[in-house]
Amino acid sequence: MKKFDEDYILVEDMVQDDYYPAFLVEKIQGLISPVIRLLENGETDRNIIQGKLDEMTLAINDLQEEFEENDSEIETVARDSIAVTIGHIMDWFHIDIDMETALRERDW
């Protein structure tokens, strides 16, 4: 089974930008981790992978209010950072799901 690149920083642009509270960035990273674990375990069924991506995206949606309460929001930099991270993960594991589909449940 292929392991994910341990040197890759999930949502790096968010990590490096003080506009995003570190504890919320860590929550997003924590929501992405199950997708990585699923793929590391060798899952290749697109429906199962998409289901995990949908679950992750809906959970990130649920963080929007918490971002606002902390004078932040999931806006352009955050959206791009999440998409770049998911794109990198999909490429790493050779999963052919386009970004619009992968993040189809987003409302940010």
PDB file of N, CA and C in Angstrom:
ATOM      1  N   MET A   1       0.837  -1.197   0.000  1.00  0.00           N
ATOM      2  CA  MET A   1       0.000   0.000   0.000  1.00  0.00           C
ATOM      3  C   MET A   1       0.876   1.252   0.000  1.00  0.00           C
ATOM      4  N   LYS A   2       0.468   2.200  -0.771  1.00  0.00           N
ATOM      5  CA  LYS A   2       1.222   3.439  -0.918  1.00  0.00           C
ATOM      6  C   LYS A   2       0.890   4.394   0.232  1.00  0.00           C
ATOM      7  N   LYS A   3       1.922   4.948   0.833  1.00  0.00           N
ATOM      8  CA  LYS A   3       1.748   5.942   1.891  1.00  0.00           C
ATOM      9  C   LYS A   3       1.783   7.338   1.278  1.00  0.00           C
ATOM     10  N   PHE A   4       1.043   8.243   1.902  1.00  0.00           N
ATOM     11  CA  PHE A   4       1.020   9.626   1.431  1.00  0.00           C
ATOM     12  C   PHE A   4       2.325  10.312   1.818  1.00  0.00           C
ATOM     13  N   ASP A   5       2.697  11.298   1.046  1.00  0.00           N
ATOM     14  CA  ASP A   5       3.908  12.088   1.259  1.00  0.00           C
ATOM     15  C   ASP A   5       3.861  12.772   2.633  1.00  0.00           C
ATOM     16  N   GLU A   6       4.654  12.264   3.573  1.00  0.00           N
ATOM     17  CA  GLU A   6       4.616  12.803   4.934  1.00  0.00           C
ATOM     18  C   GLU A   6       5.180  14.213   5.035  1.00  0.00           C
ATOM     19  N   ASP A   7       5.873  14.678   4.008  1.00  0.00           N
ATOM     20  CA  ASP A   7       6.420  16.037   4.012  1.00  0.00           C
ATOM     21  C   ASP A   7       5.442  17.071   3.459  1.00  0.00           C
ATOM     22  N   TYR A   8       4.343  16.602   2.872  1.00  0.00           N
ATOM     23  CA  TYR A   8       3.367  17.522   2.285  1.00  0.00           C
ATOM     24  C   TYR A   8       2.550  18.174   3.396  1.00  0.00           C
ATOM     25  N   ILE A   9       2.440  19.486   3.353  1.00  0.00           N
ATOM     26  CA  ILE A   9       1.675  20.232   4.355  1.00  0.00           C
ATOM     27  C   ILE A   9       0.261  20.440   3.816  1.00  0.00           C
ATOM     28  N   LEU A  10      -0.704  19.822   4.486  1.00  0.00           N
ATOM     29  CA  LEU A  10      -2.104  19.967   4.087  1.00  0.00           C
ATOM     30  C   LEU A  10      -2.531  21.414   4.264  1.00  0.00           C
ATOM     31  N   VAL A  11      -3.275  21.932   3.325  1.00  0.00           N
ATOM     32  CA  VAL A  11      -3.772  23.321   3.281  1.00  0.00           C
ATOM     33  C   VAL A  11      -2.680  24.323   3.699  1.00  0.00           C
ATOM     34  N   GLU A  12      -1.530  24.194   3.040  1.00  0.00           N
ATOM     35  CA  GLU A  12      -0.350  24.978   3.408  1.00  0.00           C
ATOM     36  C   GLU A  12      -0.599  26.480   3.403  1.00  0.00           C
ATOM     37  N   ASP A  13      -1.326  26.995   2.413  1.00  0.00           N
ATOM     38  CA  ASP A  13      -1.573  28.443   2.372  1.00  0.00           C
ATOM     39  C   ASP A  13      -2.359  28.904   3.589  1.00  0.00           C
ATOM     40  N   MET A  14      -3.250  28.076   4.089  1.00  0.00           N
ATOM     41  CA  MET A  14      -3.994  28.418   5.297  1.00  0.00           C
ATOM     42  C   MET A  14      -3.083  28.350   6.522  1.00  0.00           C
ATOM     43  N   VAL A  15      -2.210  27.378   6.537  1.00  0.00           N
ATOM     44  CA  VAL A  15      -1.270  27.217   7.654  1.00  0.00           C
ATOM     45  C   VAL A  15      -0.400  28.469   7.773  1.00  0.00           C
ATOM     46  N   GLN A  16       0.027  28.999   6.650  1.00  0.00           N
ATOM     47  CA  GLN A  16       0.963  30.120   6.631  1.00  0.00           C
ATOM     48  C   GLN A  16       0.298  31.485   6.791  1.00  0.00           C
ATOM     49  N   ASP A  17      -1.020  31.539   6.792  1.00  0.00           N
ATOM     50  CA  ASP A  17      -1.739  32.815   6.846  1.00  0.00           C
ATOM     51  C   ASP A  17      -2.401  32.979   8.211  1.00  0.00           C
ATOM     52  N   ASP A  18      -1.989  33.996   8.949  1.00  0.00           N
ATOM     53  CA  ASP A  18      -2.522  34.240  10.295  1.00  0.00           C
ATOM     54  C   ASP A  18      -4.006  34.584  10.311  1.00  0.00           C
ATOM     55  N   TYR A  19      -4.576  34.862   9.164  1.00  0.00           N
ATOM     56  CA  TYR A  19      -6.003  35.154   9.082  1.00  0.00           C
ATOM     57  C   TYR A  19      -6.843  33.960   9.517  1.00  0.00           C
ATOM     58  N   TYR A  20      -6.284  32.776   9.356  1.00  0.00           N
ATOM     59  CA  TYR A  20      -7.003  31.547   9.710  1.00  0.00           C
ATOM     60  C   TYR A  20      -6.529  31.050  11.059  1.00  0.00           C
ATOM     61  N   PRO A  21      -7.433  30.961  12.033  1.00  0.00           N
ATOM     62  CA  PRO A  21      -7.042  30.463  13.352  1.00  0.00           C
ATOM     63  C   PRO A  21      -6.442  29.062  13.245  1.00  0.00           C
ATOM     64  N   ALA A  22      -5.299  28.878  13.881  1.00  0.00           N
ATOM     65  CA  ALA A  22      -4.559  27.616  13.780  1.00  0.00           C
ATOM     66  C   ALA A  22      -5.423  26.421  14.174  1.00  0.00           C
ATOM     67  N   PHE A  23      -6.253  26.569  15.201  1.00  0.00           N
ATOM     68  CA  PHE A  23      -7.046  25.430  15.650  1.00  0.00           C
ATOM     69  C   PHE A  23      -8.098  25.031  14.610  1.00  0.00           C
ATOM     70  N   LEU A  24      -8.569  25.996  13.818  1.00  0.00           N
ATOM     71  CA  LEU A  24      -9.533  25.676  12.762  1.00  0.00           C
ATOM     72  C   LEU A  24      -8.837  25.066  11.544  1.00  0.00           C
ATOM     73  N   VAL A  25      -7.643  25.538  11.258  1.00  0.00           N
ATOM     74  CA  VAL A  25      -6.854  24.930  10.181  1.00  0.00           C
ATOM     75  C   VAL A  25      -6.560  23.477  10.541  1.00  0.00           C
ATOM     76  N   GLU A  26      -6.234  23.231  11.791  1.00  0.00           N
ATOM     77  CA  GLU A  26      -5.975  21.864  12.247  1.00  0.00           C
ATOM     78  C   GLU A  26      -7.228  20.996  12.131  1.00  0.00           C
ATOM     79  N   LYS A  27      -8.400  21.587  12.375  1.00  0.00           N
ATOM     80  CA  LYS A  27      -9.642  20.839  12.189  1.00  0.00           C
ATOM     81  C   LYS A  27      -9.811  20.435  10.732  1.00  0.00           C
ATOM     82  N   ILE A  28      -9.527  21.347   9.815  1.00  0.00           N
ATOM     83  CA  ILE A  28      -9.635  21.023   8.394  1.00  0.00           C
ATOM     84  C   ILE A  28      -8.641  19.922   8.027  1.00  0.00           C
ATOM     85  N   GLN A  29      -7.420  20.051   8.523  1.00  0.00           N
ATOM     86  CA  GLN A  29      -6.431  19.005   8.266  1.00  0.00           C
ATOM     87  C   GLN A  29      -6.921  17.661   8.808  1.00  0.00           C
ATOM     88  N   GLY A  30      -7.543  17.697   9.974  1.00  0.00           N
ATOM     89  CA  GLY A  30      -8.074  16.479  10.567  1.00  0.00           C
ATOM     90  C   GLY A  30      -9.215  15.886   9.765  1.00  0.00           C
ATOM     91  N   LEU A  31      -9.967  16.723   9.079  1.00  0.00           N
ATOM     92  CA  LEU A  31     -11.066  16.236   8.240  1.00  0.00           C
ATOM     93  C   LEU A  31     -10.557  15.661   6.914  1.00  0.00           C
ATOM     94  N   ILE A  32      -9.398  16.121   6.484  1.00  0.00           N
ATOM     95  CA  ILE A  32      -8.796  15.601   5.247  1.00  0.00           C
ATOM     96  C   ILE A  32      -8.104  14.263   5.511  1.00  0.00           C
ATOM     97  N   SER A  33      -7.583  14.084   6.696  1.00  0.00           N
ATOM     98  CA  SER A  33      -6.809  12.873   7.024  1.00  0.00           C
ATOM     99  C   SER A  33      -7.540  11.562   6.759  1.00  0.00           C
ATOM    100  N   PRO A  34      -8.846  11.438   7.066  1.00  0.00           N
ATOM    101  CA  PRO A  34      -9.520  10.164   6.764  1.00  0.00           C
ATOM    102  C   PRO A  34      -9.550   9.823   5.273  1.00  0.00           C
ATOM    103  N   VAL A  35      -9.564  10.843   4.426  1.00  0.00           N
ATOM    104  CA  VAL A  35      -9.511  10.598   2.980  1.00  0.00           C
ATOM    105  C   VAL A  35      -8.157   9.974   2.640  1.00  0.00           C
ATOM    106  N   ILE A  36      -7.104  10.531   3.214  1.00  0.00           N
ATOM    107  CA  ILE A  36      -5.760  10.004   2.978  1.00  0.00           C
ATOM    108  C   ILE A  36      -5.659   8.570   3.483  1.00  0.00           C
ATOM    109  N   ARG A  37      -6.154   8.317   4.687  1.00  0.00           N
ATOM    110  CA  ARG A  37      -6.092   6.957   5.248  1.00  0.00           C
ATOM    111  C   ARG A  37      -6.839   5.961   4.371  1.00  0.00           C
ATOM    112  N   LEU A  38      -7.997   6.366   3.864  1.00  0.00           N
ATOM    113  CA  LEU A  38      -8.769   5.496   2.978  1.00  0.00           C
ATOM    114  C   LEU A  38      -7.938   5.115   1.750  1.00  0.00           C
ATOM    115  N   LEU A  39      -7.288   6.097   1.163  1.00  0.00           N
ATOM    116  CA  LEU A  39      -6.500   5.858  -0.040  1.00  0.00           C
ATOM    117  C   LEU A  39      -5.225   5.076   0.282  1.00  0.00           C
ATOM    118  N   GLU A  40      -4.627   5.344   1.425  1.00  0.00           N
ATOM    119  CA  GLU A  40      -3.441   4.581   1.832  1.00  0.00           C
ATOM    120  C   GLU A  40      -3.777   3.097   2.020  1.00  0.00           C
ATOM    121  N   ASN A  41      -5.007   2.823   2.385  1.00  0.00           N
ATOM    122  CA  ASN A  41      -5.442   1.437   2.563  1.00  0.00           C
ATOM    123  C   ASN A  41      -5.768   0.755   1.243  1.00  0.00           C
ATOM    124  N   GLY A  42      -5.570   1.483   0.149  1.00  0.00           N
ATOM    125  CA  GLY A  42      -5.697   0.875  -1.163  1.00  0.00           C
ATOM    126  C   GLY A  42      -7.057   1.008  -1.823  1.00  0.00           C
ATOM    127  N   GLU A  43      -7.934   1.812  -1.247  1.00  0.00           N
ATOM    128  CA  GLU A  43      -9.268   1.977  -1.846  1.00  0.00           C
ATOM    129  C   GLU A  43      -9.153   2.608  -3.227  1.00  0.00           C
ATOM    130  N   THR A  44      -9.836   2.042  -4.203  1.00  0.00           N
ATOM    131  CA  THR A  44      -9.837   2.595  -5.554  1.00  0.00           C
ATOM    132  C   THR A  44     -11.247   2.787  -6.100  1.00  0.00           C
ATOM    133  N   ASP A  45     -12.254   2.321  -5.373  1.00  0.00           N
ATOM    134  CA  ASP A  45     -13.639   2.469  -5.829  1.00  0.00           C
ATOM    135  C   ASP A  45     -14.020   3.948  -5.772  1.00  0.00           C
ATOM    136  N   ARG A  46     -14.286   4.513  -6.931  1.00  0.00           N
ATOM    137  CA  ARG A  46     -14.585   5.955  -7.018  1.00  0.00           C
ATOM    138  C   ARG A  46     -15.788   6.349  -6.172  1.00  0.00           C
ATOM    139  N   ASN A  47     -16.791   5.490  -6.084  1.00  0.00           N
ATOM    140  CA  ASN A  47     -17.978   5.814  -5.289  1.00  0.00           C
ATOM    141  C   ASN A  47     -17.649   5.891  -3.803  1.00  0.00           C
ATOM    142  N   ILE A  48     -16.835   4.981  -3.335  1.00  0.00           N
ATOM    143  CA  ILE A  48     -16.428   5.002  -1.923  1.00  0.00           C
ATOM    144  C   ILE A  48     -15.561   6.224  -1.642  1.00  0.00           C
ATOM    145  N   ILE A  49     -14.625   6.497  -2.534  1.00  0.00           N
ATOM    146  CA  ILE A  49     -13.754   7.668  -2.368  1.00  0.00           C
ATOM    147  C   ILE A  49     -14.581   8.946  -2.400  1.00  0.00           C
ATOM    148  N   GLN A  50     -15.494   9.050  -3.358  1.00  0.00           N
ATOM    149  CA  GLN A  50     -16.337  10.239  -3.447  1.00  0.00           C
ATOM    150  C   GLN A  50     -17.188  10.390  -2.191  1.00  0.00           C
ATOM    151  N   GLY A  51     -17.685   9.297  -1.665  1.00  0.00           N
ATOM    152  CA  GLY A  51     -18.452   9.351  -0.422  1.00  0.00           C
ATOM    153  C   GLY A  51     -17.638   9.929   0.717  1.00  0.00           C
ATOM    154  N   LYS A  52     -16.372   9.544   0.807  1.00  0.00           N
ATOM    155  CA  LYS A  52     -15.486  10.065   1.859  1.00  0.00           C
ATOM    156  C   LYS A  52     -15.182  11.541   1.606  1.00  0.00           C
ATOM    157  N   LEU A  53     -15.007  11.918   0.334  1.00  0.00           N
ATOM    158  CA  LEU A  53     -14.791  13.330   0.005  1.00  0.00           C
ATOM    159  C   LEU A  53     -16.026  14.163   0.345  1.00  0.00           C
ATOM    160  N   ASP A  54     -17.208  13.639   0.052  1.00  0.00           N
ATOM    161  CA  ASP A  54     -18.443  14.349   0.394  1.00  0.00           C
ATOM    162  C   ASP A  54     -18.559  14.532   1.898  1.00  0.00           C
ATOM    163  N   GLU A  55     -18.261  13.482   2.653  1.00  0.00           N
ATOM    164  CA  GLU A  55     -18.301  13.547   4.115  1.00  0.00           C
ATOM    165  C   GLU A  55     -17.338  14.624   4.624  1.00  0.00           C
ATOM    166  N   MET A  56     -16.134  14.650   4.079  1.00  0.00           N
ATOM    167  CA  MET A  56     -15.138  15.654   4.458  1.00  0.00           C
ATOM    168  C   MET A  56     -15.647  17.061   4.134  1.00  0.00           C
ATOM    169  N   THR A  57     -16.172  17.240   2.935  1.00  0.00           N
ATOM    170  CA  THR A  57     -16.614  18.565   2.493  1.00  0.00           C
ATOM    171  C   THR A  57     -17.776  19.072   3.338  1.00  0.00           C
ATOM    172  N   LEU A  58     -18.718  18.211   3.636  1.00  0.00           N
ATOM    173  CA  LEU A  58     -19.852  18.613   4.481  1.00  0.00           C
ATOM    174  C   LEU A  58     -19.377  19.009   5.874  1.00  0.00           C
ATOM    175  N   ALA A  59     -18.378  18.308   6.391  1.00  0.00           N
ATOM    176  CA  ALA A  59     -17.830  18.649   7.704  1.00  0.00           C
ATOM    177  C   ALA A  59     -17.103  19.994   7.658  1.00  0.00           C
ATOM    178  N   ILE A  60     -16.407  20.274   6.561  1.00  0.00           N
ATOM    179  CA  ILE A  60     -15.759  21.584   6.409  1.00  0.00           C
ATOM    180  C   ILE A  60     -16.832  22.667   6.307  1.00  0.00           C
ATOM    181  N   ASN A  61     -17.914  22.390   5.574  1.00  0.00           N
ATOM    182  CA  ASN A  61     -19.031  23.344   5.509  1.00  0.00           C
ATOM    183  C   ASN A  61     -19.483  23.724   6.916  1.00  0.00           C
ATOM    184  N   ASP A  62     -19.565  22.737   7.784  1.00  0.00           N
ATOM    185  CA  ASP A  62     -20.047  22.959   9.150  1.00  0.00           C
ATOM    186  C   ASP A  62     -19.122  23.842   9.971  1.00  0.00           C
ATOM    187  N   LEU A  63     -17.903  24.062   9.520  1.00  0.00           N
ATOM    188  CA  LEU A  63     -16.948  24.906  10.251  1.00  0.00           C
ATOM    189  C   LEU A  63     -17.099  26.394   9.924  1.00  0.00           C
ATOM    190  N   GLN A  64     -17.905  26.718   8.928  1.00  0.00           N
ATOM    191  CA  GLN A  64     -17.977  28.112   8.490  1.00  0.00           C
ATOM    192  C   GLN A  64     -18.375  29.069   9.616  1.00  0.00           C
ATOM    193  N   GLU A  65     -19.356  28.696  10.393  1.00  0.00           N
ATOM    194  CA  GLU A  65     -19.793  29.564  11.490  1.00  0.00           C
ATOM    195  C   GLU A  65     -18.680  29.752  12.514  1.00  0.00           C
ATOM    196  N   GLU A  66     -17.954  28.686  12.790  1.00  0.00           N
ATOM    197  CA  GLU A  66     -16.855  28.774  13.747  1.00  0.00           C
ATOM    198  C   GLU A  66     -15.741  29.688  13.218  1.00  0.00           C
ATOM    199  N   PHE A  67     -15.498  29.648  11.920  1.00  0.00           N
ATOM    200  CA  PHE A  67     -14.542  30.581  11.328  1.00  0.00           C
ATOM    201  C   PHE A  67     -15.020  32.017  11.538  1.00  0.00           C
ATOM    202  N   GLU A  68     -16.297  32.275  11.253  1.00  0.00           N
ATOM    203  CA  GLU A  68     -16.846  33.622  11.403  1.00  0.00           C
ATOM    204  C   GLU A  68     -16.769  34.101  12.851  1.00  0.00           C
ATOM    205  N   GLU A  69     -17.032  33.211  13.789  1.00  0.00           N
ATOM    206  CA  GLU A  69     -16.942  33.564  15.207  1.00  0.00           C
ATOM    207  C   GLU A  69     -15.527  33.938  15.610  1.00  0.00           C
ATOM    208  N   ASN A  70     -14.561  33.537  14.819  1.00  0.00           N
ATOM    209  CA  ASN A  70     -13.153  33.826  15.090  1.00  0.00           C
ATOM    210  C   ASN A  70     -12.579  34.814  14.079  1.00  0.00           C
ATOM    211  N   ASP A  71     -13.461  35.685  13.565  1.00  0.00           N
ATOM    212  CA  ASP A  71     -13.074  36.762  12.648  1.00  0.00           C
ATOM    213  C   ASP A  71     -12.311  36.262  11.425  1.00  0.00           C
ATOM    214  N   SER A  72     -12.782  35.179  10.869  1.00  0.00           N
ATOM    215  CA  SER A  72     -12.181  34.597   9.677  1.00  0.00           C
ATOM    216  C   SER A  72     -13.306  34.026   8.830  1.00  0.00           C
ATOM    217  N   GLU A  73     -12.971  33.484   7.682  1.00  0.00           N
ATOM    218  CA  GLU A  73     -13.966  32.822   6.855  1.00  0.00           C
ATOM    219  C   GLU A  73     -13.265  31.929   5.841  1.00  0.00           C
ATOM    220  N   ILE A  74     -14.017  30.991   5.320  1.00  0.00           N
ATOM    221  CA  ILE A  74     -13.501  30.135   4.259  1.00  0.00           C
ATOM    222  C   ILE A  74     -13.760  30.882   2.959  1.00  0.00           C
ATOM    223  N   GLU A  75     -12.739  31.628   2.533  1.00  0.00           N
ATOM    224  CA  GLU A  75     -12.867  32.457   1.348  1.00  0.00           C
ATOM    225  C   GLU A  75     -11.850  32.020   0.305  1.00  0.00           C
ATOM    226  N   THR A  76     -11.506  32.879  -0.607  1.00  0.00           N
ATOM    227  CA  THR A  76     -10.726  32.504  -1.785  1.00  0.00           C
ATOM    228  C   THR A  76      -9.448  31.731  -1.466  1.00  0.00           C
ATOM    229  N   VAL A  77      -8.614  32.253  -0.582  1.00  0.00           N
ATOM    230  CA  VAL A  77      -7.357  31.571  -0.264  1.00  0.00           C
ATOM    231  C   VAL A  77      -7.640  30.202   0.346  1.00  0.00           C
ATOM    232  N   ALA A  78      -8.593  30.144   1.250  1.00  0.00           N
ATOM    233  CA  ALA A  78      -8.939  28.871   1.889  1.00  0.00           C
ATOM    234  C   ALA A  78      -9.508  27.885   0.873  1.00  0.00           C
ATOM    235  N   ARG A  79     -10.420  28.334   0.040  1.00  0.00           N
ATOM    236  CA  ARG A  79     -11.011  27.456  -0.985  1.00  0.00           C
ATOM    237  C   ARG A  79      -9.923  26.883  -1.886  1.00  0.00           C
ATOM    238  N   ASP A  80      -9.024  27.763  -2.336  1.00  0.00           N
ATOM    239  CA  ASP A  80      -7.946  27.322  -3.213  1.00  0.00           C
ATOM    240  C   ASP A  80      -7.006  26.366  -2.491  1.00  0.00           C
ATOM    241  N   SER A  81      -6.699  26.662  -1.247  1.00  0.00           N
ATOM    242  CA  SER A  81      -5.790  25.818  -0.474  1.00  0.00           C
ATOM    243  C   SER A  81      -6.363  24.416  -0.276  1.00  0.00           C
ATOM    244  N   ILE A  82      -7.642  24.349   0.030  1.00  0.00           N
ATOM    245  CA  ILE A  82      -8.310  23.048   0.189  1.00  0.00           C
ATOM    246  C   ILE A  82      -8.302  22.304  -1.143  1.00  0.00           C
ATOM    247  N   ALA A  83      -8.643  22.990  -2.227  1.00  0.00           N
ATOM    248  CA  ALA A  83      -8.688  22.348  -3.541  1.00  0.00           C
ATOM    249  C   ALA A  83      -7.302  21.870  -3.983  1.00  0.00           C
ATOM    250  N   VAL A  84      -6.272  22.674  -3.748  1.00  0.00           N
ATOM    251  CA  VAL A  84      -4.908  22.277  -4.104  1.00  0.00           C
ATOM    252  C   VAL A  84      -4.511  21.030  -3.324  1.00  0.00           C
ATOM    253  N   THR A  85      -4.839  21.010  -2.043  1.00  0.00           N
ATOM    254  CA  THR A  85      -4.516  19.855  -1.207  1.00  0.00           C
ATOM    255  C   THR A  85      -5.226  18.599  -1.708  1.00  0.00           C
ATOM    256  N   ILE A  86      -6.512  18.708  -1.960  1.00  0.00           N
ATOM    257  CA  ILE A  86      -7.265  17.550  -2.433  1.00  0.00           C
ATOM    258  C   ILE A  86      -6.752  17.114  -3.804  1.00  0.00           C
ATOM    259  N   GLY A  87      -6.439  18.080  -4.653  1.00  0.00           N
ATOM    260  CA  GLY A  87      -5.878  17.753  -5.960  1.00  0.00           C
ATOM    261  C   GLY A  87      -4.567  16.994  -5.843  1.00  0.00           C
ATOM    262  N   HIS A  88      -3.721  17.434  -4.931  1.00  0.00           N
ATOM    263  CA  HIS A  88      -2.435  16.761  -4.715  1.00  0.00           C
ATOM    264  C   HIS A  88      -2.652  15.332  -4.221  1.00  0.00           C
ATOM    265  N   ILE A  89      -3.589  15.169  -3.301  1.00  0.00           N
ATOM    266  CA  ILE A  89      -3.892  13.833  -2.767  1.00  0.00           C
ATOM    267  C   ILE A  89      -4.395  12.925  -3.885  1.00  0.00           C
ATOM    268  N   MET A  90      -5.314  13.424  -4.690  1.00  0.00           N
ATOM    269  CA  MET A  90      -5.860  12.620  -5.786  1.00  0.00           C
ATOM    270  C   MET A  90      -4.758  12.240  -6.778  1.00  0.00           C
ATOM    271  N   ASP A  91      -3.886  13.192  -7.090  1.00  0.00           N
ATOM    272  CA  ASP A  91      -2.774  12.909  -8.000  1.00  0.00           C
ATOM    273  C   ASP A  91      -1.811  11.883  -7.403  1.00  0.00           C
ATOM    274  N   TRP A  92      -1.499  12.052  -6.132  1.00  0.00           N
ATOM    275  CA  TRP A  92      -0.556  11.167  -5.446  1.00  0.00           C
ATOM    276  C   TRP A  92      -1.012   9.706  -5.545  1.00  0.00           C
ATOM    277  N   PHE A  93      -2.303   9.507  -5.376  1.00  0.00           N
ATOM    278  CA  PHE A  93      -2.847   8.150  -5.390  1.00  0.00           C
ATOM    279  C   PHE A  93      -3.426   7.749  -6.755  1.00  0.00           C
ATOM    280  N   HIS A  94      -3.222   8.598  -7.761  1.00  0.00           N
ATOM    281  CA  HIS A  94      -3.677   8.315  -9.130  1.00  0.00           C
ATOM    282  C   HIS A  94      -5.187   8.054  -9.186  1.00  0.00           C
ATOM    283  N   ILE A  95      -5.932   8.924  -8.493  1.00  0.00           N
ATOM    284  CA  ILE A  95      -7.389   8.839  -8.493  1.00  0.00           C
ATOM    285  C   ILE A  95      -7.913   9.894  -9.459  1.00  0.00           C
ATOM    286  N   ASP A  96      -8.680   9.466 -10.434  1.00  0.00           N
ATOM    287  CA  ASP A  96      -9.172  10.366 -11.476  1.00  0.00           C
ATOM    288  C   ASP A  96     -10.579  10.863 -11.125  1.00  0.00           C
ATOM    289  N   ILE A  97     -10.610  11.849 -10.239  1.00  0.00           N
ATOM    290  CA  ILE A  97     -11.863  12.532  -9.896  1.00  0.00           C
ATOM    291  C   ILE A  97     -11.576  14.025 -10.052  1.00  0.00           C
ATOM    292  N   ASP A  98     -12.320  14.689 -10.918  1.00  0.00           N
ATOM    293  CA  ASP A  98     -12.052  16.113 -11.117  1.00  0.00           C
ATOM    294  C   ASP A  98     -12.463  16.904  -9.874  1.00  0.00           C
ATOM    295  N   MET A  99     -11.884  18.064  -9.732  1.00  0.00           N
ATOM    296  CA  MET A  99     -12.045  18.852  -8.509  1.00  0.00           C
ATOM    297  C   MET A  99     -13.487  19.285  -8.268  1.00  0.00           C
ATOM    298  N   GLU A 100     -14.201  19.639  -9.327  1.00  0.00           N
ATOM    299  CA  GLU A 100     -15.600  20.044  -9.158  1.00  0.00           C
ATOM    300  C   GLU A 100     -16.425  18.906  -8.569  1.00  0.00           C
ATOM    301  N   THR A 101     -16.145  17.702  -8.999  1.00  0.00           N
ATOM    302  CA  THR A 101     -16.854  16.540  -8.465  1.00  0.00           C
ATOM    303  C   THR A 101     -16.364  16.223  -7.060  1.00  0.00           C
ATOM    304  N   ALA A 102     -15.058  16.228  -6.880  1.00  0.00           N
ATOM    305  CA  ALA A 102     -14.476  15.882  -5.580  1.00  0.00           C
ATOM    306  C   ALA A 102     -15.052  16.754  -4.463  1.00  0.00           C
ATOM    307  N   LEU A 103     -15.230  18.036  -4.750  1.00  0.00           N
ATOM    308  CA  LEU A 103     -15.708  18.989  -3.733  1.00  0.00           C
ATOM    309  C   LEU A 103     -17.133  19.451  -4.016  1.00  0.00           C
ATOM    310  N   ARG A 104     -17.917  18.613  -4.636  1.00  0.00           N
ATOM    311  CA  ARG A 104     -19.264  18.976  -5.088  1.00  0.00           C
ATOM    312  C   ARG A 104     -20.197  19.406  -3.973  1.00  0.00           C
ATOM    313  N   GLU A 105     -19.953  18.992  -2.758  1.00  0.00           N
ATOM    314  CA  GLU A 105     -20.830  19.335  -1.639  1.00  0.00           C
ATOM    315  C   GLU A 105     -20.478  20.656  -0.958  1.00  0.00           C
ATOM    316  N   ARG A 106     -19.457  21.324  -1.443  1.00  0.00           N
ATOM    317  CA  ARG A 106     -19.010  22.550  -0.752  1.00  0.00           C
ATOM    318  C   ARG A 106     -20.028  23.670  -0.915  1.00  0.00           C
ATOM    319  N   ASP A 107     -20.120  24.486   0.103  1.00  0.00           N
ATOM    320  CA  ASP A 107     -20.921  25.705   0.001  1.00  0.00           C
ATOM    321  C   ASP A 107     -20.078  26.904   0.450  1.00  0.00           C
ATOM    322  N   TRP A 108     -18.806  26.828   0.134  1.00  0.00           N
ATOM    323  CA  TRP A 108     -17.848  27.900   0.418  1.00  0.00           C
ATOM    324  C   TRP A 108     -17.125  28.264  -0.844  1.00  0.00           C
TER     325      TRP A 108
END
